[in-house]
Amino acid sequence: MRWHRAAMGWAAIFLASFVAQASPASAQSFNSYHCADGTHFILAFYPNDARAFLQIDGRAVTLKKGLTVSDRRYSGSGVSLVMTASGALIRHVRRPVTACELS
């Protein structure tokens, strides 16, 4: 029973440190987007991290940066995101590609 309490203590410390590192206040860029099909998502980029962090359909998704020359492309967990000069294009959950803009 003691090891269970100790494990819970370590889990709480780990969780607190993780939340402190990934807090939105430290985000380099934190934006809300609205898409033509009614989809709404929040996108965050953190300093020194090439990934994009997305909150869409009530779930958090981490997207890895793809190799491109002109656009910034990210994908992961069934979500594809392309950042363009005029906004973003997103495809998720087998839906067609949708144009999105900052809201």
Protein backbone atom coordinates (compact mmCIF):
# COMPACT_ATOMS: atom_id res chain seq x y z
CA MET A 1 0.00 0.00 0.00
CA ARG A 2 2.92 2.37 0.66
CA TRP A 3 4.30 1.93 -2.84
CA HIS A 4 0.89 2.95 -4.21
CA ARG A 5 0.98 6.25 -2.31
CA ALA A 6 4.54 6.88 -3.41
CA ALA A 7 3.66 6.16 -7.03
CA MET A 8 0.70 8.55 -6.83
CA GLY A 9 2.99 11.22 -5.39
CA TRP A 10 5.49 10.83 -8.22
CA ALA A 11 2.69 10.84 -10.78
CA ALA A 12 1.37 14.13 -9.35
CA ILE A 13 4.84 15.70 -9.49
CA PHE A 14 5.34 14.52 -13.08
CA LEU A 15 1.93 15.84 -14.14
CA ALA A 16 2.53 19.23 -12.50
CA SER A 17 5.91 19.62 -14.21
CA PHE A 18 4.43 18.59 -17.58
CA VAL A 19 1.59 21.11 -17.28
CA ALA A 20 4.01 23.85 -16.25
CA GLN A 21 6.18 23.21 -19.32
CA ALA A 22 3.29 23.11 -21.78
CA SER A 23 1.26 26.01 -20.45
CA PRO A 24 -0.36 28.24 -23.10
CA ALA A 25 1.31 31.28 -21.52
CA SER A 26 4.66 30.08 -22.89
CA ALA A 27 3.28 29.53 -26.38
CA GLN A 28 5.02 31.39 -29.14
CA SER A 29 1.88 31.32 -31.23
CA PHE A 30 -1.60 30.38 -30.06
CA ASN A 31 -4.46 30.89 -32.53
CA SER A 32 -8.11 29.97 -32.99
CA TYR A 33 -9.36 29.01 -36.47
CA HIS A 34 -12.83 28.69 -37.98
CA CYS A 35 -13.37 26.63 -41.14
CA ALA A 36 -15.83 26.78 -44.03
CA ASP A 37 -17.52 23.51 -42.94
CA GLY A 38 -18.10 24.78 -39.38
CA THR A 39 -15.07 23.11 -37.83
CA HIS A 40 -13.37 25.10 -35.09
CA PHE A 41 -9.86 24.36 -33.79
CA ILE A 42 -7.12 25.89 -31.69
CA LEU A 43 -3.51 25.70 -32.84
CA ALA A 44 -0.36 26.29 -30.78
CA PHE A 45 3.33 26.40 -31.61
CA TYR A 46 5.93 26.35 -28.84
CA PRO A 47 9.48 27.69 -28.92
CA ASN A 48 12.16 25.15 -29.87
CA ASP A 49 9.55 22.57 -30.95
CA ALA A 50 8.90 21.76 -34.61
CA ARG A 51 5.53 20.14 -33.84
CA ALA A 52 2.10 21.78 -33.95
CA PHE A 53 -0.34 21.22 -31.10
CA LEU A 54 -3.99 21.12 -32.10
CA GLN A 55 -7.25 21.00 -30.14
CA ILE A 56 -10.03 19.77 -32.45
CA ASP A 57 -13.31 17.91 -31.87
CA GLY A 58 -12.66 17.88 -28.13
CA ARG A 59 -9.33 16.09 -28.37
CA ALA A 60 -5.71 17.13 -28.35
CA VAL A 61 -3.57 16.12 -31.33
CA THR A 62 0.16 16.56 -31.80
CA LEU A 63 1.17 17.01 -35.43
CA LYS A 64 4.66 16.38 -36.77
CA LYS A 65 6.13 18.77 -39.31
CA GLY A 66 6.37 17.38 -42.83
CA LEU A 67 9.05 18.06 -45.43
CA THR A 68 8.00 20.80 -47.84
CA VAL A 69 9.54 23.75 -49.65
CA SER A 70 6.81 26.38 -49.85
CA ASP A 71 4.11 25.59 -47.25
CA ARG A 72 4.23 24.42 -43.67
CA ARG A 73 2.65 20.96 -43.49
CA TYR A 74 1.85 19.00 -40.34
CA SER A 75 0.19 15.62 -39.84
CA GLY A 76 -0.58 13.01 -37.21
CA SER A 77 -3.43 10.94 -35.72
CA GLY A 78 -5.56 11.21 -38.86
CA VAL A 79 -5.25 15.00 -39.11
CA SER A 80 -3.43 16.89 -41.88
CA LEU A 81 -2.80 20.63 -41.65
CA VAL A 82 -1.27 22.96 -44.25
CA MET A 83 -0.45 26.52 -43.20
CA THR A 84 -0.71 29.00 -46.09
CA ALA A 85 -0.26 32.74 -46.38
CA SER A 86 -4.04 33.26 -46.39
CA GLY A 87 -4.94 30.80 -43.60
CA ALA A 88 -4.92 27.04 -43.26
CA LEU A 89 -6.25 23.89 -44.89
CA ILE A 90 -7.25 20.98 -42.65
CA ARG A 91 -8.39 17.41 -43.21
CA HIS A 92 -9.50 15.25 -40.29
CA VAL A 93 -11.57 12.17 -39.52
CA ARG A 94 -11.99 11.24 -43.19
CA ARG A 95 -13.62 14.56 -44.00
CA PRO A 96 -12.69 16.49 -47.15
CA VAL A 97 -10.04 19.22 -47.07
CA THR A 98 -11.50 22.45 -45.69
CA ALA A 99 -10.22 26.03 -45.88
CA CYS A 100 -9.86 27.78 -42.52
CA GLU A 101 -9.07 31.29 -41.35
CA LEU A 102 -8.20 32.98 -38.08
CA SER A 103 -11.22 33.78 -35.97
